[in-house]
Protein backbone atom coordinates (compact mmCIF):
# COMPACT_ATOMS: atom_id res chain seq x y z
CA MET A 1 -30.21 163.21 73.23
CA ALA A 2 -32.45 161.23 70.88
CA TRP A 3 -35.48 163.24 72.20
CA ARG A 4 -34.08 166.05 71.17
CA SER A 5 -33.01 165.83 67.98
CA LEU A 6 -36.43 165.09 67.16
CA HIS A 7 -37.98 168.08 68.56
CA LEU A 8 -35.29 169.89 66.57
CA PHE A 9 -36.11 167.84 63.08
CA ARG A 10 -39.55 168.70 64.07
CA ASP A 11 -39.03 172.26 64.18
CA LEU A 12 -36.83 172.24 60.83
CA TYR A 13 -39.52 170.39 59.10
CA ARG A 14 -41.83 172.62 59.91
CA SER A 15 -39.88 176.57 58.83
CA ARG A 16 -39.96 175.02 55.22
CA ASP A 17 -38.97 178.37 53.83
CA ALA A 18 -36.41 179.08 56.16
CA PHE A 19 -33.97 176.87 53.78
CA PRO A 20 -33.12 177.72 50.15
CA LYS A 21 -32.96 174.55 48.10
CA PRO A 22 -29.27 174.43 46.62
CA PHE A 23 -28.72 174.33 50.70
CA LEU A 24 -31.53 171.28 50.95
CA GLN A 25 -29.89 169.71 47.96
CA SER A 26 -26.32 170.04 49.87
CA PRO A 27 -24.48 167.32 51.32
CA ILE A 28 -24.58 169.40 54.72
CA ALA A 29 -28.32 169.02 54.83
CA THR A 30 -28.19 165.40 54.05
CA LEU A 31 -25.42 164.74 56.95
CA LEU A 32 -27.81 166.09 59.59
CA HIS A 33 -30.67 163.48 58.58
CA PRO A 34 -31.08 162.13 54.87
CA ALA A 35 -34.89 161.62 55.47
CA LEU A 36 -35.09 165.16 57.16
CA SER A 37 -33.49 166.79 54.07
CA SER A 38 -35.56 164.67 51.78
CA ALA A 39 -38.99 166.03 53.10
CA LEU A 40 -37.63 169.85 53.61
CA LEU A 41 -36.83 169.18 50.09
CA GLN A 42 -39.94 167.74 48.86
CA ARG A 43 -41.87 170.48 50.77
CA ARG A 44 -39.63 173.79 49.36
CA SER A 45 -40.51 172.41 46.01
CA HIS A 46 -44.34 172.40 46.51
CA ALA A 47 -43.84 176.09 47.88
CA ASP A 48 -41.84 176.68 44.84
CA ALA A 49 -43.97 175.15 41.82
CA ALA A 50 -45.97 178.14 40.95
CA PRO A 51 -44.17 181.40 41.58
CA PRO A 52 -46.59 184.17 41.51
CA PRO A 53 -46.36 185.61 38.04
CA SER A 54 -44.38 189.34 39.02
CA ALA A 55 -41.56 186.86 39.98
CA VAL A 56 -40.73 185.90 36.37
CA GLN A 57 -38.61 187.84 35.23
CA ASN A 58 -37.38 188.43 31.51
CA PRO A 59 -33.51 188.97 32.00
CA LYS A 60 -33.26 190.68 28.51
CA ALA A 61 -35.61 193.19 29.90
CA SER A 62 -33.61 195.35 31.41
CA ASN A 63 -31.04 195.41 27.97
CA ALA A 64 -34.38 196.51 25.71
CA SER A 65 -33.99 199.86 24.23
CA GLY A 66 -36.99 200.38 23.12
CA ASP A 67 -40.68 202.26 24.12
CA GLU A 68 -42.72 199.13 24.51
CA ASN A 69 -42.32 197.49 28.07
CA LYS A 70 -41.12 200.84 30.12
CA SER A 71 -40.42 200.62 33.54
CA PRO A 72 -38.23 202.67 36.07
CA PRO A 73 -34.94 202.27 35.61
CA PHE A 74 -34.27 201.34 39.34
CA ARG A 75 -37.06 199.77 41.37
CA SER A 76 -36.88 200.30 44.93
CA SER A 77 -35.22 197.82 46.72
CA LEU A 78 -36.73 198.88 50.23
CA ASN A 79 -38.06 196.81 52.44
CA GLU A 80 -40.56 198.34 54.78
CA ALA A 81 -40.06 195.52 57.44
CA GLU A 82 -36.54 195.61 57.96
CA VAL A 83 -37.08 199.77 58.26
CA ALA A 84 -39.62 199.48 61.23
CA LYS A 85 -37.23 196.69 62.65
CA PHE A 86 -34.02 199.12 62.75
CA ALA A 87 -36.39 202.58 63.90
CA ALA A 88 -37.89 200.57 66.94
CA ILE A 89 -33.88 200.44 68.08
CA ALA A 90 -32.40 203.45 66.63
CA GLU A 91 -31.54 205.11 70.11
CA THR A 92 -29.06 202.71 70.87
CA TRP A 93 -26.63 203.00 67.68
CA TRP A 94 -24.28 204.61 69.59
CA ASP A 95 -24.41 202.80 73.09
CA PHE A 96 -20.99 200.12 73.04
CA GLU A 97 -23.60 197.75 75.29
CA GLY A 98 -26.37 197.99 73.01
CA PRO A 99 -27.67 195.77 70.05
CA PHE A 100 -24.95 197.41 67.91
CA LYS A 101 -21.96 196.58 70.21
CA PRO A 102 -21.07 193.79 67.48
CA LEU A 103 -20.86 196.26 64.83
CA HIS A 104 -19.06 198.73 66.88
CA LEU A 105 -16.33 196.02 67.64
CA MET A 106 -15.92 194.77 64.31
CA ASN A 107 -15.59 198.03 62.68
CA PRO A 108 -12.14 198.93 63.20
CA THR A 109 -11.35 196.19 61.07
CA ARG A 110 -14.06 197.22 58.46
CA VAL A 111 -12.46 200.57 58.56
CA SER A 112 -8.86 198.67 58.23
CA PHE A 113 -9.94 196.80 54.85
CA ILE A 114 -11.38 200.28 53.07
CA ARG A 115 -8.33 202.26 54.56
CA SER A 116 -6.19 199.58 52.44
CA THR A 117 -8.27 199.06 49.37
CA LEU A 118 -9.28 202.36 48.86
CA CYS A 119 -5.51 203.76 49.13
CA ARG A 120 -4.24 201.15 46.64
CA HIS A 121 -7.45 201.88 44.21
CA PHE A 122 -7.03 205.64 44.19
CA LYS A 123 -2.95 205.57 44.67
CA LYS A 124 -3.44 206.83 48.33
CA ASP A 125 -0.64 207.20 50.95
CA PRO A 126 -2.45 204.72 53.90
CA TYR A 127 0.11 206.12 56.12
CA CYS A 128 -1.02 209.78 56.07
CA ALA A 129 -3.55 211.13 58.64
CA ARG A 130 -5.81 211.67 56.33
CA PRO A 131 -5.42 209.35 52.86
CA PHE A 132 -8.77 209.84 51.72
CA GLN A 133 -8.26 214.07 51.45
CA GLY A 134 -10.43 214.93 48.16
CA LEU A 135 -12.45 212.04 48.09
CA GLN A 136 -15.89 212.01 48.36
CA ILE A 137 -17.60 208.61 49.58
CA ILE A 138 -21.13 207.73 50.55
CA ASP A 139 -21.99 205.65 53.29
CA VAL A 140 -25.56 203.83 52.36
CA GLY A 141 -27.55 202.81 55.30
CA CYS A 142 -25.37 204.88 57.34
CA GLY A 143 -27.42 203.92 60.35
CA GLY A 144 -25.96 206.12 63.20
CA GLY A 145 -22.57 206.96 61.66
CA ILE A 146 -20.70 204.97 63.09
CA LEU A 147 -18.41 204.00 59.48
CA SER A 148 -19.16 207.74 58.53
CA GLU A 149 -17.59 209.88 61.34
CA PRO A 150 -13.93 208.21 60.71
CA LEU A 151 -14.50 208.09 57.38
CA ALA A 152 -14.14 211.71 57.59
CA ARG A 153 -11.74 211.80 59.85
CA MET A 154 -9.99 210.27 56.92
CA GLY A 155 -10.61 213.22 55.11
CA ALA A 156 -13.41 211.86 52.50
CA THR A 157 -16.36 214.40 52.00
CA VAL A 158 -19.10 212.13 53.22
CA THR A 159 -22.52 211.95 52.97
CA GLY A 160 -24.23 209.34 55.17
CA ILE A 161 -27.61 208.11 53.80
CA ASP A 162 -30.60 206.00 55.40
CA ALA A 163 -34.15 204.75 55.06
CA VAL A 164 -34.82 205.07 58.65
CA GLU A 165 -35.42 209.07 60.05
CA LYS A 166 -34.23 207.77 63.29
CA ASN A 167 -31.04 206.87 62.40
CA ILE A 168 -30.43 210.07 60.55
CA LYS A 169 -31.31 211.92 63.74
CA ILE A 170 -29.07 210.28 65.68
CA ALA A 171 -26.14 210.23 63.13
CA ARG A 172 -26.37 213.94 63.04
CA ILE A 173 -26.49 214.63 66.84
CA HIS A 174 -23.48 212.37 67.71
CA ALA A 175 -21.59 213.81 64.46
CA VAL A 176 -22.33 217.50 65.87
CA TRP A 177 -21.76 216.31 69.99
CA SER A 178 -18.26 214.68 69.11
CA ILE A 179 -15.43 215.97 70.96
CA SER A 180 -12.94 217.31 68.61
CA PRO A 181 -9.75 215.00 69.35
CA TYR A 182 -7.63 218.36 70.01
CA ASN A 183 -9.77 220.28 71.98
CA LYS A 184 -11.89 218.61 74.57
CA ASN A 185 -14.01 221.32 75.11
CA ALA A 186 -15.08 221.78 71.76
CA SER A 187 -17.01 219.42 69.04
CA ASP A 188 -15.14 217.84 66.15
CA PRO A 189 -15.80 220.15 63.06
CA VAL A 190 -14.93 217.32 61.08
CA THR A 191 -17.80 215.11 62.07
CA SER A 192 -20.05 218.09 62.10
CA SER A 193 -19.30 218.10 58.63
CA ILE A 194 -20.56 215.16 57.54
CA GLU A 195 -23.75 215.49 54.83
CA TYR A 196 -26.59 213.54 56.09
CA CYS A 197 -29.96 212.45 54.51
CA CYS A 198 -32.59 210.18 55.13
CA THR A 199 -32.95 208.92 51.51
CA THR A 200 -32.25 206.18 49.19
CA ALA A 201 -29.68 204.90 47.13
CA GLU A 202 -32.35 204.50 44.49
CA GLU A 203 -33.11 208.11 45.23
CA LEU A 204 -29.73 209.86 44.57
CA VAL A 205 -29.44 207.97 41.32
CA LYS A 206 -32.36 210.12 40.06
CA VAL A 207 -30.99 212.89 40.65
CA ASN A 208 -27.86 211.87 38.96
CA LYS A 209 -25.22 211.65 42.19
CA LYS A 210 -22.32 210.42 42.03
CA PHE A 211 -19.39 209.76 44.16
CA ASP A 212 -15.66 208.05 43.92
CA ALA A 213 -16.65 205.34 46.05
CA VAL A 214 -19.95 203.91 47.69
CA ILE A 215 -19.74 201.85 50.67
CA ALA A 216 -23.08 199.43 51.86
CA LEU A 217 -21.93 197.41 54.98
CA GLU A 218 -24.54 195.03 56.48
CA VAL A 219 -27.40 196.33 54.67
CA ILE A 220 -27.92 194.14 51.64
CA GLU A 221 -29.40 191.10 53.84
CA HIS A 222 -31.89 193.75 54.23
CA VAL A 223 -33.18 195.08 51.16
CA ALA A 224 -36.36 193.26 49.67
CA ASP A 225 -34.00 192.86 45.85
CA PRO A 226 -30.10 192.56 46.17
CA LEU A 227 -30.24 193.02 41.98
CA GLU A 228 -31.42 196.09 42.22
CA PHE A 229 -29.66 197.87 45.02
CA CYS A 230 -26.62 196.63 43.57
CA LYS A 231 -27.72 198.34 40.41
CA SER A 232 -28.66 201.36 42.52
CA LEU A 233 -24.75 201.64 43.45
CA ALA A 234 -23.09 201.20 40.97
CA ALA A 235 -24.83 203.99 39.15
CA LEU A 236 -24.04 206.34 42.10
CA THR A 237 -20.25 205.09 41.90
CA ALA A 238 -18.49 207.08 39.59
CA PRO A 239 -16.59 206.18 36.71
CA ALA A 240 -13.32 204.19 37.47
CA GLY A 241 -14.74 204.05 41.38
CA ALA A 242 -15.01 202.00 43.80
CA THR A 243 -17.81 200.10 45.93
CA VAL A 244 -17.32 197.96 49.15
CA ILE A 245 -19.97 195.77 50.20
CA SER A 246 -19.79 193.53 53.41
CA THR A 247 -22.51 190.79 54.53
CA ILE A 248 -22.85 187.66 55.98
CA ASN A 249 -22.73 184.28 54.14
CA ARG A 250 -25.46 182.18 53.93
CA SER A 251 -24.02 179.07 55.37
CA VAL A 252 -24.56 176.59 58.18
CA ARG A 253 -21.42 178.31 60.09
CA SER A 254 -23.61 182.19 60.01
CA TYR A 255 -26.69 180.35 61.13
CA ALA A 256 -25.12 179.01 64.16
CA THR A 257 -23.21 182.06 64.50
CA ALA A 258 -24.87 184.98 63.10
CA ILE A 259 -28.36 183.70 64.12
CA ILE A 260 -28.32 181.15 66.74
CA ALA A 261 -25.18 181.85 68.82
CA ALA A 262 -25.53 185.85 68.47
CA GLU A 263 -29.56 186.28 68.11
CA TYR A 264 -30.55 183.67 71.45
CA LEU A 265 -27.78 182.64 73.25
CA LEU A 266 -25.57 185.66 73.58
CA ASN A 267 -28.29 187.80 73.18
CA TRP A 268 -26.22 189.99 71.02
CA LEU A 269 -28.78 191.15 68.48
CA PRO A 270 -32.64 191.27 68.78
CA LYS A 271 -34.42 188.13 68.19
CA GLY A 272 -35.21 188.40 64.61
CA THR A 273 -32.49 190.73 63.18
CA HIS A 274 -31.61 188.50 60.24
CA GLN A 275 -33.41 186.31 58.63
CA TRP A 276 -30.67 183.96 56.74
CA SER A 277 -32.57 182.84 53.77
CA ARG A 278 -31.98 186.38 52.77
CA PHE A 279 -27.59 185.93 53.34
CA LEU A 280 -26.26 185.89 50.31
CA THR A 281 -23.00 183.18 49.31
CA SER A 282 -19.59 184.97 48.31
CA GLU A 283 -20.10 183.56 44.80
CA GLU A 284 -23.71 185.13 44.94
CA LEU A 285 -22.74 188.59 45.78
CA VAL A 286 -19.40 187.93 42.80
CA LEU A 287 -22.38 187.42 40.11
CA ILE A 288 -24.83 190.11 41.30
CA LEU A 289 -22.19 193.13 41.82
CA GLN A 290 -21.08 192.10 37.95
CA ARG A 291 -24.62 192.11 36.56
CA ALA A 292 -24.56 195.66 38.32
CA SER A 293 -21.17 196.42 36.05
CA ILE A 294 -19.05 196.01 39.33
CA SER A 295 -16.00 193.83 39.19
CA VAL A 296 -15.05 192.36 42.58
CA GLN A 297 -11.13 192.86 42.80
CA GLU A 298 -10.64 191.50 46.71
CA MET A 299 -12.62 190.03 49.28
CA ALA A 300 -11.54 189.79 52.67
CA GLY A 301 -13.41 187.52 55.99
CA PHE A 302 -14.14 188.62 59.22
CA VAL A 303 -13.26 186.14 62.28
CA TYR A 304 -14.19 187.24 65.42
CA ASN A 305 -12.01 185.83 68.67
CA PRO A 306 -13.84 185.36 71.83
CA LEU A 307 -10.62 185.59 74.41
CA THR A 308 -9.82 188.98 73.12
CA GLY A 309 -13.37 190.13 71.90
CA GLU A 310 -11.21 191.82 69.02
CA TRP A 311 -12.19 190.84 64.83
CA SER A 312 -9.80 190.40 62.62
CA LEU A 313 -9.18 189.83 58.75
CA SER A 314 -9.39 186.28 57.51
CA ASP A 315 -9.14 184.18 53.91
CA ASP A 316 -12.63 182.44 55.94
CA THR A 317 -15.19 184.50 54.12
CA SER A 318 -18.16 181.34 55.64
CA VAL A 319 -19.72 184.42 57.75
CA ASN A 320 -18.92 187.75 57.76
CA PHE A 321 -17.10 189.10 54.70
CA ILE A 322 -16.55 192.17 53.02
CA ALA A 323 -16.01 192.52 48.89
CA PHE A 324 -14.02 195.82 47.19
CA GLY A 325 -15.25 196.12 43.75
CA THR A 326 -14.50 198.74 40.89
CA LYS A 327 -16.49 200.04 38.13
CA GLY A 328 -14.97 200.33 34.50
CA SER A 329 -14.48 203.81 33.15
CA GLU A 330 -17.24 203.36 30.62
CA CYS A 331 -20.36 201.03 32.26
CA ASP A 332 -21.71 198.50 29.81
CA SER A 333 -25.22 199.33 28.98
């Protein structure tokens, strides 16, 4: 046991960039091993000592109204490496036993939260068959359309966008070939009406697109700049509209379950799908959304039951969680 621990500490020490400084300073890291956490923190401090000039930003720059220091209002948050990673497994989106099996299992619970919060916000009847009738909703990072389709079936006019062209092609094909619930010999006209487009949120902002609700599930942990991404989501949200984001918390539990267990032990996901250092804590997400003029109104966690194989909503946000926020009728500048 001691020999295994030495190997573990050695590997952790070599992975200096895997852990952010707040984690290394936390009691949890100290509990692992006081000397280890101190050594990791020292190495991390050396790595952080001299950030490149481009990484240092003036927090007041975004509020400047003059002509000097002009920059595009929304920088691209696209991470090319992440785009390539998901392009490689695009054909498996609708394989219920493939890499996206966890999302298929979680989807009913995600839809339940979205249905509840949006119906309450837009004063819709959550018990009717098509409660989102009349709402324009965009699914940002739609992948193969596993969320876009149920949103359309609930009556919404849905736009699904993704930066991976293969994902959009898969989503379009599945939408057209989905079987109608009323006629097994015909395609579903509801899913066929979904507008899929290979683009980014930032590109739609440039053409002044607006939606009643903007949804981005399991996307923010894969972007290059979470704040810029959230600003784009806010810009796409109509005044008095809603924004829903789900992601994975940066915690010890998430490292153990979402990475070690899901990617290395259970093989639910390809190894390297997630980078723990890119996860956001729930507090960080709330602050980022506030800076993007979105006020978080409700948050819930997702908990997996290995006995039933089902997910349920919970107050525990330490691993997977989802947040519902609103945009004021007049966005602060």
